[in-house]
Amino acid sequence: MTNRRQILGLPWAALAATPMLAAPALAQARWAPSRSVRLIVPFPAGGSPDVLTRLMAPHAQAALGQSVLVENRTGAGATVGSGFVAREAPDGHTVLAATISSLTAPFMMNPRPYDPVRDFRALSLLAITPTVLVVRPDFPARTVQEWHQVIQRNPGRFTFASGGVGNPAHLAGELYRSMTRADITHVAFRGSAPALVELRAGRVDFSILDLPSAAAMIADRSIPALAVGTAERLSTLPDLPTISETVAPGFEAYSWVMWWLAAATPDPIAARLQEVANDALRQPDVQARGAQAGFLLRGTDAAGARAHVAAESEKWGRIIRERNITFEG
């Protein structure tokens, strides 16, 4: 876990020092696209992956010297758009803005539409999206410790909401259940927005969902926020403890965005696109607007990206198997 956190917290100075062993040779071999590059977002416009991708696209276009087009290919828990990229020619002209669902959704399907590890080449962990524990307004607890105690003392009584079966909020709730043996019931909605509406109305009890979705309701005090799901506290919500430090040591659940290519993409293409992605993240407008949107911007080398995929695959694959979670559409 320590190595993984070091990857996630890799400072920009270290990123700048990632292997550049033969700079002149690399410059001579630098790949350039021969036509437009498509950034495939496997979710609808306006969601977190789409927002970050559209922030980065103009900078990628300037660096590559070709049009960079953002294309939303939605459906089947991110597997429609993700599978499309896996089947495209491995020539660098089609890039997936992969999300945690790109990785986890195939684990819930039989047959799997693609293998998220074997069929892709991960370039960079671009950003993580923190999660936050929120409860209905009249929940009989005002701290995360009290919330946990109430749930433990009332098995089978409380529900947790998500934006759908296999959604990151669903998996976060199942992780809490697995780590604490909590007897809670999952209630799935069609997206985070209706889940939050039902939570505010008091018809479900809590959710551990991405912060950008809940930020407005937290700010206007429509729903109480008790803790965050990241390993460390957030500078934007410094008074909120982590679930890990309070009631479930080692708990860590968040969403993320990465750039993935088809697995057979050659090294020079992958190296160039990784460089372009991380350079885009360093731009002042991306940093400012990304932070405003709730992202924790990262930017890793390929080894860091692979390590992240491996760790997430092991962690969430285990939860999905334990809870026998299946996805139907």
C-alpha atoms as a PDB file:
ATOM      1  CA  MET A   1       0.000   0.000   0.000  1.00  0.00           C
ATOM      2  CA  THR A   2       2.878   2.363   0.774  1.00  0.00           C
ATOM      3  CA  ASN A   3       4.259   2.097  -2.741  1.00  0.00           C
ATOM      4  CA  ARG A   4       0.809   2.742  -4.183  1.00  0.00           C
ATOM      5  CA  ARG A   5       0.355   5.912  -2.132  1.00  0.00           C
ATOM      6  CA  GLN A   6       3.783   7.067  -3.215  1.00  0.00           C
ATOM      7  CA  ILE A   7       2.677   6.601  -6.804  1.00  0.00           C
ATOM      8  CA  LEU A   8      -0.548   8.535  -6.226  1.00  0.00           C
ATOM      9  CA  GLY A   9       1.264  11.361  -4.476  1.00  0.00           C
ATOM     10  CA  LEU A  10       4.169  11.592  -6.909  1.00  0.00           C
ATOM     11  CA  PRO A  11       5.318  15.229  -6.961  1.00  0.00           C
ATOM     12  CA  TRP A  12       5.684  17.174 -10.175  1.00  0.00           C
ATOM     13  CA  ALA A  13       9.429  17.391  -9.656  1.00  0.00           C
ATOM     14  CA  ALA A  14       9.611  13.621  -9.672  1.00  0.00           C
ATOM     15  CA  LEU A  15       7.370  13.439 -12.732  1.00  0.00           C
ATOM     16  CA  ALA A  16       9.717  15.770 -14.548  1.00  0.00           C
ATOM     17  CA  ALA A  17      12.525  13.388 -13.701  1.00  0.00           C
ATOM     18  CA  THR A  18      10.866  10.244 -15.046  1.00  0.00           C
ATOM     19  CA  PRO A  19      13.131   8.380 -17.421  1.00  0.00           C
ATOM     20  CA  MET A  20      14.533  10.618 -20.142  1.00  0.00           C
ATOM     21  CA  LEU A  21      17.642   8.511 -20.598  1.00  0.00           C
ATOM     22  CA  ALA A  22      18.494   9.477 -24.133  1.00  0.00           C
ATOM     23  CA  ALA A  23      16.783  12.791 -24.772  1.00  0.00           C
ATOM     24  CA  PRO A  24      18.334  13.456 -28.218  1.00  0.00           C
ATOM     25  CA  ALA A  25      17.463   9.957 -29.430  1.00  0.00           C
ATOM     26  CA  LEU A  26      13.951  10.264 -28.009  1.00  0.00           C
ATOM     27  CA  ALA A  27      13.483  13.573 -29.764  1.00  0.00           C
ATOM     28  CA  GLN A  28      14.561  12.057 -33.088  1.00  0.00           C
ATOM     29  CA  ALA A  29      12.121   9.147 -32.679  1.00  0.00           C
ATOM     30  CA  ARG A  30       9.222  11.245 -31.407  1.00  0.00           C
ATOM     31  CA  TRP A  31       5.944  10.033 -32.848  1.00  0.00           C
ATOM     32  CA  ALA A  32       3.468  12.412 -34.467  1.00  0.00           C
ATOM     33  CA  PRO A  33      -0.087  11.521 -35.504  1.00  0.00           C
ATOM     34  CA  SER A  34      -0.934  11.518 -39.194  1.00  0.00           C
ATOM     35  CA  ARG A  35      -4.592  12.456 -38.676  1.00  0.00           C
ATOM     36  CA  SER A  36      -7.017  13.511 -35.960  1.00  0.00           C
ATOM     37  CA  VAL A  37      -6.696  11.875 -32.568  1.00  0.00           C
ATOM     38  CA  ARG A  38      -9.886  10.782 -30.807  1.00  0.00           C
ATOM     39  CA  LEU A  39     -10.190  10.836 -27.029  1.00  0.00           C
ATOM     40  CA  ILE A  40     -12.952   8.358 -26.207  1.00  0.00           C
ATOM     41  CA  VAL A  41     -14.937   9.064 -23.036  1.00  0.00           C
ATOM     42  CA  PRO A  42     -17.077   6.045 -22.063  1.00  0.00           C
ATOM     43  CA  PHE A  43     -19.608   8.207 -20.190  1.00  0.00           C
ATOM     44  CA  PRO A  44     -21.984  11.008 -21.200  1.00  0.00           C
ATOM     45  CA  ALA A  45     -20.873  14.606 -21.598  1.00  0.00           C
ATOM     46  CA  GLY A  46     -20.712  16.576 -18.364  1.00  0.00           C
ATOM     47  CA  GLY A  47     -19.456  13.811 -16.088  1.00  0.00           C
ATOM     48  CA  SER A  48     -16.106  13.911 -14.330  1.00  0.00           C
ATOM     49  CA  PRO A  49     -14.143  11.967 -17.003  1.00  0.00           C
ATOM     50  CA  ASP A  50     -15.623  14.150 -19.733  1.00  0.00           C
ATOM     51  CA  VAL A  51     -14.798  17.389 -17.889  1.00  0.00           C
ATOM     52  CA  LEU A  52     -11.140  16.465 -17.407  1.00  0.00           C
ATOM     53  CA  THR A  53     -10.771  15.183 -20.970  1.00  0.00           C
ATOM     54  CA  ARG A  54     -12.152  18.392 -22.437  1.00  0.00           C
ATOM     55  CA  LEU A  55      -9.825  20.463 -20.254  1.00  0.00           C
ATOM     56  CA  MET A  56      -6.835  18.533 -21.554  1.00  0.00           C
ATOM     57  CA  ALA A  57      -7.828  18.260 -25.239  1.00  0.00           C
ATOM     58  CA  PRO A  58      -6.739  21.757 -26.432  1.00  0.00           C
ATOM     59  CA  HIS A  59      -3.291  21.290 -24.920  1.00  0.00           C
ATOM     60  CA  ALA A  60      -2.955  17.840 -26.458  1.00  0.00           C
ATOM     61  CA  GLN A  61      -3.970  19.289 -29.817  1.00  0.00           C
ATOM     62  CA  ALA A  62      -1.340  22.035 -29.595  1.00  0.00           C
ATOM     63  CA  ALA A  63       1.349  19.502 -28.700  1.00  0.00           C
ATOM     64  CA  LEU A  64       0.463  16.938 -31.362  1.00  0.00           C
ATOM     65  CA  GLY A  65      -0.209  19.309 -34.259  1.00  0.00           C
ATOM     66  CA  GLN A  66      -3.427  17.513 -35.211  1.00  0.00           C
ATOM     67  CA  SER A  67      -7.043  17.925 -34.211  1.00  0.00           C
ATOM     68  CA  VAL A  68      -7.878  16.202 -30.930  1.00  0.00           C
ATOM     69  CA  LEU A  69     -11.560  15.323 -30.756  1.00  0.00           C
ATOM     70  CA  VAL A  70     -13.476  14.274 -27.648  1.00  0.00           C
ATOM     71  CA  GLU A  71     -16.016  11.568 -28.427  1.00  0.00           C
ATOM     72  CA  ASN A  72     -18.555  10.196 -25.932  1.00  0.00           C
ATOM     73  CA  ARG A  73     -19.319   6.502 -26.480  1.00  0.00           C
ATOM     74  CA  THR A  74     -21.596   5.471 -23.652  1.00  0.00           C
ATOM     75  CA  GLY A  75     -23.344   2.370 -22.426  1.00  0.00           C
ATOM     76  CA  ALA A  76     -23.018  -0.876 -20.460  1.00  0.00           C
ATOM     77  CA  GLY A  77     -21.157   0.597 -17.511  1.00  0.00           C
ATOM     78  CA  ALA A  78     -18.361   2.151 -19.627  1.00  0.00           C
ATOM     79  CA  THR A  79     -17.668  -1.056 -21.556  1.00  0.00           C
ATOM     80  CA  VAL A  80     -19.055   0.178 -24.890  1.00  0.00           C
ATOM     81  CA  GLY A  81     -16.531   2.994 -25.222  1.00  0.00           C
ATOM     82  CA  SER A  82     -13.728   1.081 -23.555  1.00  0.00           C
ATOM     83  CA  GLY A  83     -14.223  -1.989 -25.729  1.00  0.00           C
ATOM     84  CA  PHE A  84     -14.274   0.209 -28.823  1.00  0.00           C
ATOM     85  CA  VAL A  85     -10.756   1.456 -28.063  1.00  0.00           C
ATOM     86  CA  ALA A  86      -9.510  -2.061 -27.332  1.00  0.00           C
ATOM     87  CA  ARG A  87     -10.572  -3.118 -30.844  1.00  0.00           C
ATOM     88  CA  GLU A  88      -9.190  -0.077 -32.685  1.00  0.00           C
ATOM     89  CA  ALA A  89      -5.896  -0.146 -34.567  1.00  0.00           C
ATOM     90  CA  PRO A  90      -2.994   0.268 -32.105  1.00  0.00           C
ATOM     91  CA  ASP A  91      -1.634   3.332 -33.904  1.00  0.00           C
ATOM     92  CA  GLY A  92      -2.127   6.054 -31.276  1.00  0.00           C
ATOM     93  CA  HIS A  93      -5.029   7.775 -33.001  1.00  0.00           C
ATOM     94  CA  THR A  94      -7.649   6.461 -30.547  1.00  0.00           C
ATOM     95  CA  VAL A  95      -7.122   7.018 -26.809  1.00  0.00           C
ATOM     96  CA  LEU A  96      -9.412   5.927 -23.987  1.00  0.00           C
ATOM     97  CA  ALA A  97     -10.131   8.265 -21.073  1.00  0.00           C
ATOM     98  CA  ALA A  98     -10.449   5.205 -18.842  1.00  0.00           C
ATOM     99  CA  THR A  99     -12.280   5.270 -15.542  1.00  0.00           C
ATOM    100  CA  ILE A 100     -12.529   2.871 -12.639  1.00  0.00           C
ATOM    101  CA  SER A 101     -15.621   1.440 -14.370  1.00  0.00           C
ATOM    102  CA  SER A 102     -13.535   0.623 -17.458  1.00  0.00           C
ATOM    103  CA  LEU A 103     -11.589  -1.681 -15.157  1.00  0.00           C
ATOM    104  CA  THR A 104     -14.296  -3.101 -12.909  1.00  0.00           C
ATOM    105  CA  ALA A 105     -17.351  -3.487 -15.158  1.00  0.00           C
ATOM    106  CA  PRO A 106     -15.943  -6.426 -17.164  1.00  0.00           C
ATOM    107  CA  PHE A 107     -15.385  -8.326 -13.898  1.00  0.00           C
ATOM    108  CA  MET A 108     -19.175  -8.304 -13.418  1.00  0.00           C
ATOM    109  CA  MET A 109     -20.030  -9.607 -16.909  1.00  0.00           C
ATOM    110  CA  ASN A 110     -20.146 -13.064 -18.410  1.00  0.00           C
ATOM    111  CA  PRO A 111     -18.699 -13.249 -20.943  1.00  0.00           C
ATOM    112  CA  ARG A 112     -16.320 -10.369 -20.408  1.00  0.00           C
ATOM    113  CA  PRO A 113     -16.420  -7.856 -23.272  1.00  0.00           C
ATOM    114  CA  TYR A 114     -12.652  -7.350 -22.936  1.00  0.00           C
ATOM    115  CA  ASP A 115      -9.835  -7.967 -20.481  1.00  0.00           C
ATOM    116  CA  PRO A 116      -9.046  -4.592 -18.853  1.00  0.00           C
ATOM    117  CA  VAL A 117      -5.454  -5.619 -18.069  1.00  0.00           C
ATOM    118  CA  ARG A 118      -4.488  -7.700 -21.102  1.00  0.00           C
ATOM    119  CA  ASP A 119      -6.211  -5.624 -23.809  1.00  0.00           C
ATOM    120  CA  PHE A 120      -4.914  -2.173 -22.839  1.00  0.00           C
ATOM    121  CA  ARG A 121      -1.708  -0.277 -22.302  1.00  0.00           C
ATOM    122  CA  ALA A 122      -1.971   2.200 -19.411  1.00  0.00           C
ATOM    123  CA  LEU A 123      -0.093   5.469 -19.964  1.00  0.00           C
ATOM    124  CA  SER A 124      -0.727   7.699 -16.972  1.00  0.00           C
ATOM    125  CA  LEU A 125      -2.945   8.032 -13.949  1.00  0.00           C
ATOM    126  CA  LEU A 126      -4.244  11.523 -14.696  1.00  0.00           C
ATOM    127  CA  ALA A 127      -6.406  12.290 -11.684  1.00  0.00           C
ATOM    128  CA  ILE A 128      -8.365  10.813  -8.845  1.00  0.00           C
ATOM    129  CA  THR A 129     -11.817  11.935  -7.794  1.00  0.00           C
ATOM    130  CA  PRO A 130     -12.255  11.773  -4.004  1.00  0.00           C
ATOM    131  CA  THR A 131     -15.291  10.188  -2.416  1.00  0.00           C
ATOM    132  CA  VAL A 132     -17.257  11.489   0.544  1.00  0.00           C
ATOM    133  CA  LEU A 133     -19.563   9.793   3.053  1.00  0.00           C
ATOM    134  CA  VAL A 134     -22.895  11.635   3.140  1.00  0.00           C
ATOM    135  CA  VAL A 135     -26.010  10.783   5.128  1.00  0.00           C
ATOM    136  CA  ARG A 136     -29.693  11.716   5.057  1.00  0.00           C
ATOM    137  CA  PRO A 137     -30.426  14.998   6.862  1.00  0.00           C
ATOM    138  CA  ASP A 138     -32.104  13.332   9.839  1.00  0.00           C
ATOM    139  CA  PHE A 139     -29.650  10.454  10.238  1.00  0.00           C
ATOM    140  CA  PRO A 140     -29.146   9.846  14.002  1.00  0.00           C
ATOM    141  CA  ALA A 141     -25.417  10.604  13.933  1.00  0.00           C
ATOM    142  CA  ARG A 142     -23.254  13.623  13.277  1.00  0.00           C
ATOM    143  CA  THR A 143     -19.785  12.069  13.253  1.00  0.00           C
ATOM    144  CA  VAL A 144     -18.422   9.136  11.291  1.00  0.00           C
ATOM    145  CA  GLN A 145     -17.799   7.248  14.536  1.00  0.00           C
ATOM    146  CA  GLU A 146     -21.432   7.685  15.585  1.00  0.00           C
ATOM    147  CA  TRP A 147     -22.608   6.666  12.112  1.00  0.00           C
ATOM    148  CA  HIS A 148     -20.572   3.473  12.271  1.00  0.00           C
ATOM    149  CA  GLN A 149     -21.848   2.653  15.775  1.00  0.00           C
ATOM    150  CA  VAL A 150     -25.480   3.184  14.759  1.00  0.00           C
ATOM    151  CA  ILE A 151     -25.071   0.855  11.767  1.00  0.00           C
ATOM    152  CA  GLN A 152     -23.332  -1.828  13.825  1.00  0.00           C
ATOM    153  CA  ARG A 153     -26.019  -1.726  16.522  1.00  0.00           C
ATOM    154  CA  ASN A 154     -28.896  -1.986  14.027  1.00  0.00           C
ATOM    155  CA  PRO A 155     -28.126  -4.832  11.592  1.00  0.00           C
ATOM    156  CA  GLY A 156     -30.307  -4.898   8.505  1.00  0.00           C
ATOM    157  CA  ARG A 157     -31.914  -1.538   9.170  1.00  0.00           C
ATOM    158  CA  PHE A 158     -29.919   0.874   6.997  1.00  0.00           C
ATOM    159  CA  THR A 159     -29.556   1.364   3.235  1.00  0.00           C
ATOM    160  CA  PHE A 160     -26.817   2.821   1.088  1.00  0.00           C
ATOM    161  CA  ALA A 161     -27.383   4.414  -2.304  1.00  0.00           C
ATOM    162  CA  SER A 162     -25.386   4.333  -5.522  1.00  0.00           C
ATOM    163  CA  GLY A 163     -25.760   5.373  -9.128  1.00  0.00           C
ATOM    164  CA  GLY A 164     -26.205   1.769 -10.244  1.00  0.00           C
ATOM    165  CA  VAL A 165     -25.035  -1.806  -9.767  1.00  0.00           C
ATOM    166  CA  GLY A 166     -21.246  -1.863  -9.995  1.00  0.00           C
ATOM    167  CA  ASN A 167     -21.074   1.922  -9.804  1.00  0.00           C
ATOM    168  CA  PRO A 168     -18.071   3.200  -7.761  1.00  0.00           C
ATOM    169  CA  ALA A 169     -20.430   4.238  -4.943  1.00  0.00           C
ATOM    170  CA  HIS A 170     -21.801   0.692  -4.898  1.00  0.00           C
ATOM    171  CA  LEU A 171     -18.291  -0.758  -4.699  1.00  0.00           C
ATOM    172  CA  ALA A 172     -17.311   1.706  -1.952  1.00  0.00           C
ATOM    173  CA  GLY A 173     -20.306   0.590   0.123  1.00  0.00           C
ATOM    174  CA  GLU A 174     -19.422  -3.051  -0.469  1.00  0.00           C
ATOM    175  CA  LEU A 175     -15.834  -2.370   0.605  1.00  0.00           C
ATOM    176  CA  TYR A 176     -17.084  -0.879   3.874  1.00  0.00           C
ATOM    177  CA  ARG A 177     -19.405  -3.874   4.304  1.00  0.00           C
ATOM    178  CA  SER A 178     -16.540  -6.304   3.656  1.00  0.00           C
ATOM    179  CA  MET A 179     -14.132  -4.581   6.050  1.00  0.00           C
ATOM    180  CA  THR A 180     -16.587  -4.108   8.934  1.00  0.00           C
ATOM    181  CA  ARG A 181     -19.137  -6.916   8.389  1.00  0.00           C
ATOM    182  CA  ALA A 182     -21.857  -4.272   8.389  1.00  0.00           C
ATOM    183  CA  ASP A 183     -25.349  -5.593   7.643  1.00  0.00           C
ATOM    184  CA  ILE A 184     -26.566  -2.952   5.176  1.00  0.00           C
ATOM    185  CA  THR A 185     -28.711  -3.000   2.037  1.00  0.00           C
ATOM    186  CA  HIS A 186     -27.708  -1.569  -1.339  1.00  0.00           C
ATOM    187  CA  VAL A 187     -30.230   0.536  -3.285  1.00  0.00           C
ATOM    188  CA  ALA A 188     -29.266   1.274  -6.900  1.00  0.00           C
ATOM    189  CA  PHE A 189     -30.457   4.296  -8.870  1.00  0.00           C
ATOM    190  CA  ARG A 190     -29.894   5.394 -12.447  1.00  0.00           C
ATOM    191  CA  GLY A 191     -27.054   7.793 -11.740  1.00  0.00           C
ATOM    192  CA  SER A 192     -25.679   9.786  -8.815  1.00  0.00           C
ATOM    193  CA  ALA A 193     -28.178  12.649  -9.193  1.00  0.00           C
ATOM    194  CA  PRO A 194     -31.321  10.620  -8.381  1.00  0.00           C
ATOM    195  CA  ALA A 195     -29.439   8.825  -5.600  1.00  0.00           C
ATOM    196  CA  LEU A 196     -28.673  12.197  -4.006  1.00  0.00           C
ATOM    197  CA  VAL A 197     -32.262  13.379  -4.417  1.00  0.00           C
ATOM    198  CA  GLU A 198     -33.510  10.296  -2.567  1.00  0.00           C
ATOM    199  CA  LEU A 199     -30.837  10.722   0.103  1.00  0.00           C
ATOM    200  CA  ARG A 200     -31.824  14.342   0.698  1.00  0.00           C
ATOM    201  CA  ALA A 201     -35.475  13.260   0.913  1.00  0.00           C
ATOM    202  CA  GLY A 202     -34.561  10.700   3.581  1.00  0.00           C
ATOM    203  CA  ARG A 203     -35.630   7.646   1.603  1.00  0.00           C
ATOM    204  CA  VAL A 204     -32.132   6.108   1.750  1.00  0.00           C
ATOM    205  CA  ASP A 205     -29.655   6.432   4.591  1.00  0.00           C
ATOM    206  CA  PHE A 206     -26.149   7.104   3.252  1.00  0.00           C
ATOM    207  CA  SER A 207     -23.785   6.950   0.303  1.00  0.00           C
ATOM    208  CA  ILE A 208     -20.032   7.007  -0.297  1.00  0.00           C
ATOM    209  CA  LEU A 209     -19.881   8.745  -3.667  1.00  0.00           C
ATOM    210  CA  ASP A 210     -17.643  11.059  -5.656  1.00  0.00           C
ATOM    211  CA  LEU A 211     -17.232  14.502  -4.151  1.00  0.00           C
ATOM    212  CA  PRO A 212     -18.078  16.561  -7.278  1.00  0.00           C
ATOM    213  CA  SER A 213     -21.541  14.973  -7.401  1.00  0.00           C
ATOM    214  CA  ALA A 214     -22.304  15.867  -3.801  1.00  0.00           C
ATOM    215  CA  ALA A 215     -20.390  19.147  -3.471  1.00  0.00           C
ATOM    216  CA  ALA A 216     -23.350  21.483  -4.038  1.00  0.00           C
ATOM    217  CA  MET A 217     -25.583  19.733  -1.506  1.00  0.00           C
ATOM    218  CA  ILE A 218     -22.755  19.629   1.024  1.00  0.00           C
ATOM    219  CA  ALA A 219     -22.076  23.340   0.514  1.00  0.00           C
ATOM    220  CA  ASP A 220     -25.708  24.366   1.044  1.00  0.00           C
ATOM    221  CA  ARG A 221     -26.033  21.927   3.961  1.00  0.00           C
ATOM    222  CA  SER A 222     -28.776  19.904   2.271  1.00  0.00           C
ATOM    223  CA  ILE A 223     -26.997  16.728   3.336  1.00  0.00           C
ATOM    224  CA  PRO A 224     -24.370  16.208   6.057  1.00  0.00           C
ATOM    225  CA  ALA A 225     -20.884  15.034   5.095  1.00  0.00           C
ATOM    226  CA  LEU A 226     -19.152  12.931   7.744  1.00  0.00           C
ATOM    227  CA  ALA A 227     -15.886  11.670   6.226  1.00  0.00           C
ATOM    228  CA  VAL A 228     -13.879  11.191   3.040  1.00  0.00           C
ATOM    229  CA  GLY A 229     -12.988   7.908   1.378  1.00  0.00           C
ATOM    230  CA  THR A 230      -9.429   8.790   0.366  1.00  0.00           C
ATOM    231  CA  ALA A 231      -6.439   7.585   2.370  1.00  0.00           C
ATOM    232  CA  GLU A 232      -5.576  11.137   3.459  1.00  0.00           C
ATOM    233  CA  ARG A 233      -7.709  14.128   4.392  1.00  0.00           C
ATOM    234  CA  LEU A 234      -8.559  16.652   1.684  1.00  0.00           C
ATOM    235  CA  SER A 235      -7.252  20.209   1.763  1.00  0.00           C
ATOM    236  CA  THR A 236     -10.651  21.368   0.476  1.00  0.00           C
ATOM    237  CA  LEU A 237     -12.475  19.697   3.395  1.00  0.00           C
ATOM    238  CA  PRO A 238      -9.832  19.721   6.139  1.00  0.00           C
ATOM    239  CA  ASP A 239     -12.302  19.183   8.976  1.00  0.00           C
ATOM    240  CA  LEU A 240     -13.572  15.884   7.578  1.00  0.00           C
ATOM    241  CA  PRO A 241     -11.677  12.813   8.819  1.00  0.00           C
ATOM    242  CA  THR A 242     -11.066   9.791   6.638  1.00  0.00           C
ATOM    243  CA  ILE A 243     -13.040   6.585   6.985  1.00  0.00           C
ATOM    244  CA  SER A 244      -9.695   4.825   7.295  1.00  0.00           C
ATOM    245  CA  GLU A 245      -8.471   6.798  10.313  1.00  0.00           C
ATOM    246  CA  THR A 246     -11.766   6.455  12.181  1.00  0.00           C
ATOM    247  CA  VAL A 247     -13.806   3.299  11.634  1.00  0.00           C
ATOM    248  CA  ALA A 248     -12.225   1.070   8.936  1.00  0.00           C
ATOM    249  CA  PRO A 249      -8.399   1.112   8.926  1.00  0.00           C
ATOM    250  CA  GLY A 250      -7.099   0.754   5.373  1.00  0.00           C
ATOM    251  CA  PHE A 251     -10.359   1.839   3.731  1.00  0.00           C
ATOM    252  CA  GLU A 252      -9.690   3.652   0.455  1.00  0.00           C
ATOM    253  CA  ALA A 253     -12.192   4.203  -2.333  1.00  0.00           C
ATOM    254  CA  TYR A 254     -12.176   6.838  -5.052  1.00  0.00           C
ATOM    255  CA  SER A 255     -12.791   7.238  -8.759  1.00  0.00           C
ATOM    256  CA  TRP A 256     -10.034   7.985 -11.263  1.00  0.00           C
ATOM    257  CA  VAL A 257      -9.242   8.859 -14.872  1.00  0.00           C
ATOM    258  CA  MET A 258      -6.360   7.396 -16.879  1.00  0.00           C
ATOM    259  CA  TRP A 259      -5.252   7.346 -20.507  1.00  0.00           C
ATOM    260  CA  TRP A 260      -5.243   3.842 -22.010  1.00  0.00           C
ATOM    261  CA  LEU A 261      -4.280   2.632 -25.486  1.00  0.00           C
ATOM    262  CA  ALA A 262      -4.855  -0.652 -27.287  1.00  0.00           C
ATOM    263  CA  ALA A 263      -2.352  -3.141 -25.865  1.00  0.00           C
ATOM    264  CA  ALA A 264      -0.271  -3.576 -29.030  1.00  0.00           C
ATOM    265  CA  THR A 265       0.506   0.146 -29.418  1.00  0.00           C
ATOM    266  CA  PRO A 266       4.270   0.561 -30.051  1.00  0.00           C
ATOM    267  CA  ASP A 267       6.557   2.091 -27.432  1.00  0.00           C
ATOM    268  CA  PRO A 268       7.335   5.394 -29.239  1.00  0.00           C
ATOM    269  CA  ILE A 269       3.623   6.172 -29.634  1.00  0.00           C
ATOM    270  CA  ALA A 270       2.858   5.336 -26.019  1.00  0.00           C
ATOM    271  CA  ALA A 271       5.801   7.398 -24.784  1.00  0.00           C
ATOM    272  CA  ARG A 272       4.747  10.449 -26.773  1.00  0.00           C
ATOM    273  CA  LEU A 273       1.110  10.296 -25.675  1.00  0.00           C
ATOM    274  CA  GLN A 274       2.108   9.837 -22.045  1.00  0.00           C
ATOM    275  CA  GLU A 275       4.309  12.932 -22.339  1.00  0.00           C
ATOM    276  CA  VAL A 276       1.477  14.897 -23.916  1.00  0.00           C
ATOM    277  CA  ALA A 277      -0.983  13.847 -21.206  1.00  0.00           C
ATOM    278  CA  ASN A 278       1.284  14.779 -18.318  1.00  0.00           C
ATOM    279  CA  ASP A 279       2.266  18.079 -19.943  1.00  0.00           C
ATOM    280  CA  ALA A 280      -1.424  18.958 -20.328  1.00  0.00           C
ATOM    281  CA  LEU A 281      -1.960  18.340 -16.609  1.00  0.00           C
ATOM    282  CA  ARG A 282       0.767  20.869 -15.777  1.00  0.00           C
ATOM    283  CA  GLN A 283      -0.952  23.709 -17.598  1.00  0.00           C
ATOM    284  CA  PRO A 284      -2.253  26.445 -15.258  1.00  0.00           C
ATOM    285  CA  ASP A 285      -5.816  26.405 -16.593  1.00  0.00           C
ATOM    286  CA  VAL A 286      -6.063  22.629 -16.259  1.00  0.00           C
ATOM    287  CA  GLN A 287      -4.722  22.758 -12.721  1.00  0.00           C
ATOM    288  CA  ALA A 288      -7.023  25.601 -11.684  1.00  0.00           C
ATOM    289  CA  ARG A 289     -10.194  24.328 -13.304  1.00  0.00           C
ATOM    290  CA  GLY A 290      -9.408  20.719 -12.439  1.00  0.00           C
ATOM    291  CA  ALA A 291      -9.074  21.594  -8.762  1.00  0.00           C
ATOM    292  CA  GLN A 292     -12.296  23.593  -8.935  1.00  0.00           C
ATOM    293  CA  ALA A 293     -14.060  20.541 -10.386  1.00  0.00           C
ATOM    294  CA  GLY A 294     -12.846  18.397  -7.488  1.00  0.00           C
ATOM    295  CA  PHE A 295      -9.998  16.471  -9.121  1.00  0.00           C
ATOM    296  CA  LEU A 296      -6.711  15.635  -7.434  1.00  0.00           C
ATOM    297  CA  LEU A 297      -4.423  15.843 -10.452  1.00  0.00           C
ATOM    298  CA  ARG A 298      -1.602  13.312 -10.629  1.00  0.00           C
ATOM    299  CA  GLY A 299       0.264  12.298 -13.776  1.00  0.00           C
ATOM    300  CA  THR A 300       2.460   9.204 -13.539  1.00  0.00           C
ATOM    301  CA  ASP A 301       4.880   7.323 -15.717  1.00  0.00           C
ATOM    302  CA  ALA A 302       3.835   4.076 -17.369  1.00  0.00           C
ATOM    303  CA  ALA A 303       5.153   1.952 -14.494  1.00  0.00           C
ATOM    304  CA  GLY A 304       3.062   3.943 -12.047  1.00  0.00           C
ATOM    305  CA  ALA A 305       0.003   3.557 -14.258  1.00  0.00           C
ATOM    306  CA  ARG A 306       0.494  -0.213 -14.526  1.00  0.00           C
ATOM    307  CA  ALA A 307       0.977  -0.540 -10.775  1.00  0.00           C
ATOM    308  CA  HIS A 308      -2.226   1.395 -10.176  1.00  0.00           C
ATOM    309  CA  VAL A 309      -4.210  -0.808 -12.572  1.00  0.00           C
ATOM    310  CA  ALA A 310      -2.806  -3.960 -10.951  1.00  0.00           C
ATOM    311  CA  ALA A 311      -3.629  -2.802  -7.424  1.00  0.00           C
ATOM    312  CA  GLU A 312      -7.153  -1.670  -8.329  1.00  0.00           C
ATOM    313  CA  SER A 313      -7.782  -4.861 -10.301  1.00  0.00           C
ATOM    314  CA  GLU A 314      -6.844  -7.047  -7.344  1.00  0.00           C
ATOM    315  CA  LYS A 315      -8.769  -4.976  -4.810  1.00  0.00           C
ATOM    316  CA  TRP A 316     -12.060  -4.514  -6.639  1.00  0.00           C
ATOM    317  CA  GLY A 317     -11.956  -7.924  -8.302  1.00  0.00           C
ATOM    318  CA  ARG A 318     -11.902  -9.461  -4.833  1.00  0.00           C
ATOM    319  CA  ILE A 319     -14.873  -7.362  -3.656  1.00  0.00           C
ATOM    320  CA  ILE A 320     -16.871  -8.195  -6.790  1.00  0.00           C
ATOM    321  CA  ARG A 321     -16.217 -11.928  -6.317  1.00  0.00           C
ATOM    322  CA  GLU A 322     -16.961 -11.833  -2.579  1.00  0.00           C
ATOM    323  CA  ARG A 323     -20.281 -10.072  -3.069  1.00  0.00           C
ATOM    324  CA  ASN A 324     -21.132 -11.901  -6.322  1.00  0.00           C
ATOM    325  CA  ILE A 325     -21.902  -8.600  -8.072  1.00  0.00           C
ATOM    326  CA  THR A 326     -23.136  -8.981 -11.637  1.00  0.00           C
ATOM    327  CA  PHE A 327     -23.953  -6.342 -14.217  1.00  0.00           C
ATOM    328  CA  GLU A 328     -26.752  -6.852 -16.690  1.00  0.00           C
ATOM    329  CA  GLY A 329     -26.714  -3.809 -18.950  1.00  0.00           C
END
